Protein backbone atom coordinates (compact mmCIF):
# COMPACT_ATOMS: atom_id res chain seq x y z
CA MET A 1 -13.56 -27.61 18.04
CA THR A 2 -10.18 -26.67 16.61
CA LYS A 3 -9.52 -23.21 15.24
CA LYS A 4 -8.97 -24.50 11.73
CA LYS A 5 -12.39 -26.17 11.83
CA ARG A 6 -14.23 -23.25 13.32
CA PHE A 7 -12.65 -20.28 11.57
CA ALA A 8 -15.26 -20.27 8.83
CA ARG A 9 -18.18 -20.90 11.19
CA LYS A 10 -20.66 -18.06 11.11
CA GLN A 11 -18.49 -16.26 8.59
CA VAL A 12 -21.30 -14.93 6.48
CA ILE A 13 -19.27 -11.90 5.56
CA PHE A 14 -20.98 -9.17 3.57
CA ILE A 15 -22.21 -11.48 0.77
CA ILE A 16 -21.99 -8.94 -1.99
CA ALA A 17 -22.53 -9.92 -5.58
CA ALA A 18 -20.29 -7.85 -7.80
CA ALA A 19 -23.14 -7.48 -10.26
CA CYS A 20 -25.38 -5.91 -7.63
CA ILE A 21 -23.10 -3.22 -6.23
CA SER A 22 -20.88 -1.12 -8.42
CA ALA A 23 -17.20 -0.78 -7.63
CA SER A 24 -17.61 2.96 -7.38
CA LEU A 25 -19.78 2.53 -4.30
CA LEU A 26 -17.35 0.16 -2.69
CA LEU A 27 -14.13 1.95 -3.49
CA ILE A 28 -13.81 5.20 -1.57
CA GLN A 29 -10.56 6.57 -2.92
CA ARG A 30 -8.38 8.90 -0.92
CA ALA A 31 -6.42 11.58 -2.75
CA PHE A 32 -2.99 11.63 -1.21
CA ALA A 33 0.53 10.66 -2.16
CA ARG A 34 2.62 7.85 -0.69
CA GLU A 35 6.32 7.14 -0.43
CA LEU A 36 7.38 3.73 -1.71
CA PHE A 37 9.78 1.74 0.49
CA ILE A 38 10.07 -1.37 -1.67
CA LEU A 39 10.96 -0.75 -5.33
CA SER A 40 10.52 -2.97 -8.34
CA GLU A 41 13.47 -3.48 -10.64
CA GLN A 42 12.07 -0.92 -13.09
CA GLN A 43 11.51 1.66 -10.35
CA ALA A 44 14.99 1.15 -8.91
CA ALA A 45 16.51 1.53 -12.37
CA TYR A 46 14.63 4.77 -12.92
CA VAL A 47 15.95 6.16 -9.63
CA GLU A 48 19.47 5.65 -10.91
CA GLU A 49 18.54 7.41 -14.18
CA VAL A 50 17.23 10.41 -12.23
CA LYS A 51 20.43 10.60 -10.16
CA GLU A 52 22.39 11.02 -13.41
CA PHE A 53 20.80 14.48 -13.82
CA LEU A 54 22.25 15.78 -10.54
CA GLY A 55 24.62 18.63 -11.30
CA ASP A 56 23.25 19.00 -14.82
CA PRO A 57 20.19 21.30 -14.61
CA GLU A 58 20.00 21.93 -18.36
CA SER A 59 19.74 18.24 -19.21
CA CYS A 60 17.23 17.71 -16.42
CA GLU A 61 14.95 20.45 -17.68
CA ALA A 62 15.36 19.27 -21.27
CA ALA A 63 14.14 15.83 -20.14
CA GLY A 64 11.02 17.38 -18.58
CA GLY A 65 12.30 17.45 -15.00
CA TYR A 66 12.52 20.13 -12.34
CA THR A 67 15.76 21.12 -10.64
CA THR A 68 17.44 23.69 -8.42
CA ARG A 69 19.55 26.40 -9.97
CA ASP A 70 22.84 24.55 -9.41
CA GLY A 71 21.35 21.10 -9.97
CA ASP A 72 21.99 19.73 -6.48
CA ALA A 73 18.39 18.43 -6.34
CA VAL A 74 16.13 17.10 -9.11
CA LEU A 75 12.52 15.99 -9.42
CA MET A 76 11.20 13.85 -12.28
CA TYR A 77 7.90 12.13 -13.10
CA ASN A 78 7.71 8.83 -14.98
CA GLU A 79 4.29 8.44 -16.59
CA ASP A 80 4.76 4.75 -17.42
CA LEU A 81 5.79 3.81 -13.89
CA GLU A 82 3.41 6.37 -12.34
CA ILE A 83 5.99 7.62 -9.87
CA VAL A 84 7.76 10.85 -8.99
CA VAL A 85 11.42 10.57 -7.99
CA PHE A 86 13.28 13.19 -5.98
CA ALA A 87 17.05 12.92 -5.70
CA ALA A 88 19.63 15.18 -4.08
CA SER A 89 23.35 15.44 -3.54
CA GLY A 90 25.12 16.72 -0.46
CA ASP A 91 24.25 16.14 3.20
CA CYS A 92 20.58 15.29 3.55
CA GLN A 93 21.01 13.73 7.00
CA SER A 94 21.70 16.94 8.89
CA ASP A 95 19.89 19.20 6.40
CA PRO A 96 16.93 17.22 5.03
CA TYR A 97 14.61 18.07 2.20
CA TYR A 98 10.83 18.23 2.72
CA VAL A 99 8.59 17.05 -0.11
CA ASP A 100 5.00 18.31 0.00
CA MET A 101 2.54 16.79 -2.48
CA ALA A 102 -0.97 18.16 -2.89
CA TYR A 103 -3.92 17.04 -5.00
CA LEU A 104 -5.49 20.04 -6.76
CA GLY A 105 -8.44 18.45 -8.54
CA ASP A 106 -12.11 18.31 -7.66
CA PHE A 107 -11.98 14.68 -6.44
CA PRO A 108 -13.86 14.39 -3.13
CA VAL A 109 -11.27 14.29 -0.37
CA ASP A 110 -12.14 13.32 3.19
CA ARG A 111 -8.72 13.84 4.76
CA ASP A 112 -5.86 16.30 4.49
CA SER A 113 -4.92 16.46 0.82
CA VAL A 114 -1.30 17.48 1.44
CA SER A 115 1.24 14.73 2.14
CA ARG A 116 4.67 15.65 3.56
CA TYR A 117 7.73 13.43 3.39
CA ILE A 118 11.28 14.00 4.64
CA VAL A 119 14.25 12.93 2.53
CA THR A 120 17.30 12.31 4.71
CA ASP A 121 19.82 9.46 4.70
CA LYS A 122 18.81 7.87 1.35
CA ASN A 123 19.22 11.15 -0.55
CA TYR A 124 16.21 10.21 -2.66
CA GLY A 125 12.50 9.52 -2.40
CA VAL A 126 10.07 7.65 -4.65
CA PHE A 127 6.43 8.69 -4.50
CA THR A 128 3.16 7.53 -6.01
CA PHE A 129 -0.32 9.03 -6.25
CA ASP A 130 -3.81 7.87 -5.34
CA ALA A 131 -5.89 9.90 -7.77
CA SER A 132 -5.67 11.02 -11.39
CA GLY A 133 -5.66 14.72 -12.12
CA PRO A 134 -3.56 17.80 -11.22
CA TRP A 135 -0.94 17.61 -8.47
CA SER A 136 1.64 20.02 -7.13
CA VAL A 137 4.98 19.01 -5.61
CA CYS A 138 6.95 21.47 -3.54
CA VAL A 139 10.43 20.65 -2.26
CA SER A 140 11.82 22.80 0.54
CA ARG A 141 14.58 23.03 3.11
CA GLU A 142 14.45 24.57 6.56
CA SER A 143 16.22 27.88 6.77
CA THR A 144 16.35 30.13 9.89
CA GLY A 145 13.21 28.58 11.32
CA SER A 146 11.12 28.60 8.16
CA PHE A 147 10.87 26.45 5.06
CA ALA A 148 12.44 27.81 1.89
CA PRO A 149 11.11 26.26 -1.37
CA VAL A 150 13.83 25.04 -3.71
CA ILE A 151 11.67 23.23 -6.32
CA ALA A 152 8.04 23.91 -7.24
CA ALA A 153 6.50 21.49 -9.74
CA TYR A 154 3.03 21.25 -11.21
CA TYR A 155 1.64 18.22 -13.04
CA ASP A 156 -1.70 18.91 -14.68
CA ASP A 157 -2.64 15.41 -15.73
CA ILE A 158 -1.27 12.65 -13.49
CA LYS A 159 -2.59 9.25 -14.59
CA VAL A 160 -3.30 6.58 -12.01
CA SER A 161 -4.06 3.04 -13.15
CA GLN A 162 -1.71 0.37 -11.82
CA ASN A 163 -1.63 1.99 -8.38
CA THR A 164 -5.17 0.90 -7.58
CA TYR A 165 -3.74 -1.85 -5.41
CA LEU A 166 -1.29 0.50 -3.71
CA SER A 167 -3.86 2.93 -2.39
CA SER A 168 -6.30 3.11 0.49
CA ASN A 169 -9.96 2.25 0.03
CA SER A 170 -12.98 1.20 2.07
CA TYR A 171 -11.77 -2.32 2.76
CA VAL A 172 -8.06 -1.53 3.05
CA ASP A 173 -8.22 1.77 4.92
CA PHE A 174 -4.88 3.08 6.11
CA THR A 175 -2.52 6.05 6.37
CA SER A 176 1.17 6.32 7.14
CA ASP A 177 0.18 6.70 10.81
CA THR A 178 -1.67 3.37 10.97
CA TYR A 179 0.10 1.10 13.47
CA TYR A 180 0.37 -1.77 11.01
CA CYS A 181 1.95 0.51 8.40
CA GLN A 182 4.58 1.77 10.81
CA THR A 183 5.57 -1.83 11.45
CA ALA A 184 5.57 -2.53 7.71
CA GLU A 185 8.30 0.08 7.22
CA GLU A 186 10.46 -1.66 9.82
CA ILE A 187 9.91 -5.03 8.15
CA ALA A 188 10.78 -3.63 4.71
CA GLU A 189 14.01 -2.24 6.07
CA GLN A 190 14.90 -5.59 7.63
CA THR A 191 14.23 -7.57 4.44
CA GLY A 192 16.30 -5.20 2.35
CA GLY A 193 13.68 -4.74 -0.36
CA ASP A 194 13.11 -8.40 -1.30
CA TRP A 195 9.46 -8.70 -2.37
CA ASN A 196 8.95 -12.35 -1.37
CA GLU A 197 10.71 -12.04 1.98
CA THR A 198 8.75 -8.89 2.74
CA ALA A 199 5.39 -10.51 1.90
CA VAL A 200 6.15 -13.57 4.03
CA ALA A 201 7.42 -11.50 6.96
CA ILE A 202 4.33 -9.26 6.83
CA GLN A 203 2.02 -12.27 6.77
CA ASN A 204 3.87 -13.69 9.80
CA PHE A 205 3.44 -10.43 11.69
CA VAL A 206 -0.27 -10.19 10.89
CA VAL A 207 -0.86 -13.77 12.03
CA ASP A 208 1.06 -13.16 15.24
CA SER A 209 -0.86 -9.94 15.94
CA ILE A 210 -4.43 -11.29 15.52
CA THR A 211 -6.38 -14.03 17.25
CA TYR A 212 -9.46 -15.22 15.39
CA ASP A 213 -12.59 -14.23 17.34
CA ASP A 214 -15.82 -16.19 16.96
CA GLU A 215 -17.79 -13.51 18.81
CA ILE A 216 -16.85 -10.92 16.19
CA ALA A 217 -17.78 -13.38 13.46
CA ALA A 218 -21.14 -14.04 15.10
CA GLY A 219 -21.93 -10.33 15.24
CA ASN A 220 -20.68 -9.60 11.75
CA TYR A 221 -22.93 -7.75 9.35
CA PRO A 222 -22.95 -7.05 5.58
CA GLY A 223 -20.45 -4.41 4.55
CA ARG A 224 -18.26 -4.62 7.64
CA TRP A 225 -15.01 -2.67 7.22
CA SER A 226 -11.91 -3.10 9.35
CA ASP A 227 -10.62 -0.44 11.74
CA LEU A 228 -7.00 -1.51 11.60
CA ASP A 229 -5.82 0.48 14.61
CA GLU A 230 -8.61 -1.08 16.67
CA VAL A 231 -7.63 -4.55 15.42
CA TYR A 232 -3.98 -3.86 16.24
CA VAL A 233 -4.76 -2.78 19.79
CA SER A 234 -7.35 -5.47 20.54
CA GLY A 235 -5.47 -8.28 18.82
CA LYS A 236 -8.78 -9.80 17.71
CA GLY A 237 -10.43 -10.13 14.32
CA ILE A 238 -11.84 -12.29 11.56
CA CYS A 239 -10.71 -13.06 8.03
CA THR A 240 -11.50 -9.56 6.72
CA ASP A 241 -9.23 -8.09 9.40
CA TYR A 242 -6.38 -10.48 8.60
CA ALA A 243 -6.69 -9.66 4.88
CA SER A 244 -7.10 -5.91 5.36
CA ALA A 245 -4.09 -5.66 7.68
CA MET A 246 -1.82 -7.64 5.38
CA ALA A 247 -2.93 -5.75 2.24
CA ALA A 248 -2.47 -2.38 3.98
CA MET A 249 1.05 -3.24 5.13
CA LEU A 250 2.08 -4.44 1.68
CA ARG A 251 0.59 -1.44 -0.10
CA HIS A 252 2.19 0.97 2.29
CA VAL A 253 5.69 -0.25 1.42
CA GLY A 254 4.99 -0.30 -2.33
CA ILE A 255 3.94 -3.90 -3.02
CA PRO A 256 0.60 -4.09 -4.91
CA ALA A 257 -1.88 -6.27 -3.02
CA LYS A 258 -5.51 -7.16 -3.63
CA PHE A 259 -8.10 -7.59 -0.90
CA ALA A 260 -10.08 -10.55 -2.27
CA CYS A 261 -13.48 -11.79 -1.22
CA GLY A 262 -15.18 -14.96 -2.34
CA TYR A 263 -16.27 -18.47 -1.45
CA VAL A 264 -13.95 -21.20 -0.20
CA SER A 265 -14.76 -24.90 -0.02
CA GLY A 266 -12.99 -28.10 1.03
CA ASP A 267 -12.64 -30.61 3.83
CA MET A 268 -10.77 -28.16 6.05
CA VAL A 269 -13.55 -25.57 5.86
CA SER A 270 -16.43 -25.70 8.34
CA ASN A 271 -19.66 -26.97 6.80
CA GLY A 272 -17.71 -27.66 3.63
CA GLY A 273 -17.61 -24.02 2.52
CA GLY A 274 -18.18 -20.37 3.35
CA ILE A 275 -17.60 -16.72 2.49
CA HIS A 276 -14.00 -15.71 3.07
CA ALA A 277 -11.41 -12.95 2.51
CA TRP A 278 -7.74 -13.30 1.58
CA VAL A 279 -4.91 -11.41 -0.13
CA GLU A 280 -3.35 -11.64 -3.61
CA VAL A 281 0.13 -10.16 -3.98
CA LEU A 282 1.75 -9.07 -7.23
CA SER A 283 4.92 -11.05 -7.85
CA GLY A 284 8.28 -9.29 -7.97
CA ASP A 285 8.46 -9.60 -11.76
CA GLY A 286 4.96 -8.15 -12.09
CA LYS A 287 3.69 -11.09 -14.12
CA SER A 288 1.35 -12.89 -11.72
CA TRP A 289 -0.74 -12.56 -8.57
CA ILE A 290 0.15 -14.89 -5.69
CA ARG A 291 -2.49 -15.86 -3.13
CA PHE A 292 -1.72 -15.38 0.56
CA ASP A 293 -4.36 -16.46 3.06
CA PRO A 294 -3.30 -15.22 6.53
CA THR A 295 -6.43 -16.64 8.21
CA PHE A 296 -5.74 -20.16 6.98
CA TYR A 297 -2.04 -19.65 7.63
CA ASP A 298 -2.89 -18.87 11.22
CA SER A 299 -4.89 -22.09 11.44
CA LEU A 300 -2.85 -24.49 9.35
CA GLY A 301 0.66 -23.08 9.44
CA MET A 302 3.25 -23.45 6.69
CA ASN A 303 1.40 -26.18 4.80
CA TYR A 304 -1.87 -24.38 4.23
CA SER A 305 -1.08 -23.91 0.53
CA SER A 306 -0.98 -27.68 0.05
CA VAL A 307 -4.39 -28.24 1.66
CA PRO A 308 -7.11 -28.94 -0.97
CA ILE A 309 -9.14 -25.73 -0.65
CA GLU A 310 -10.97 -24.28 -3.62
CA TYR A 311 -11.24 -20.52 -4.03
CA ASP A 312 -14.01 -18.81 -5.99
CA THR A 313 -13.29 -15.08 -6.18
CA TYR A 314 -16.30 -12.77 -6.19
CA TRP A 315 -14.42 -9.46 -6.30
CA THR A 316 -11.15 -7.78 -5.34
CA MET A 317 -10.44 -4.33 -3.91
């Protein structure tokens, strides 16, 4: 039996009716910040706006930003884009800035709530949040063996809405240390920030890194979540692992991606249909969601999108 014919066999994957289980039970949000490596046109334009405030501390503060005394570093939050941008002048390569972001609300946190990022060669950093509420941002530089704060910012009411598909949850569980995410950064650098090229390259990597495993599918149980580091090391998985890995890699570099679960049917699907998981990626212009199915891609190659397969989405995460 060919892989494309057997991939859906025994794939009774956590048949969960959206009406039976609330999203709040499924979505276990983590409260931590993330640096974006791929920027939309609006985000990139805002970075350039922030850079205009360098050397002009009075204008920066008048615009609601934070800055050093001489204006050689600035920090600004854009509520519409839901990002914080840090920019600096001077030599950040040999004397980098450290950006520490901490969630201060009462949201249940199950991992370290402080995220640290280093700003070096780019001279700027773009960051997003995973939870609404109060956040602090501290920018520091190393001085005589210790870190000296240069900017201390407090935001009492960060709003998170569009970043739902940029953050970690139960089905797309990742951190910056996840193996797949480390590779995603390398891919993003190679593609130079092009959304479509990045999505395609990430799908190719996921497909190359996983072999579909019927034994895992046979032992699958309702509510199964992917351990992405385990999948990376073993090189084995099922459709949920393909989808989780691809969504995690995309989200980590700043491309919104949905983990979708539903029912697929068609001649190329075993028994004519079955429960399945795939990915939906926000287009570069932000106007539409584009389906990527790494499991079918692995089976059918470049032409999988032209195969008559019907998708019935139950829910997305």
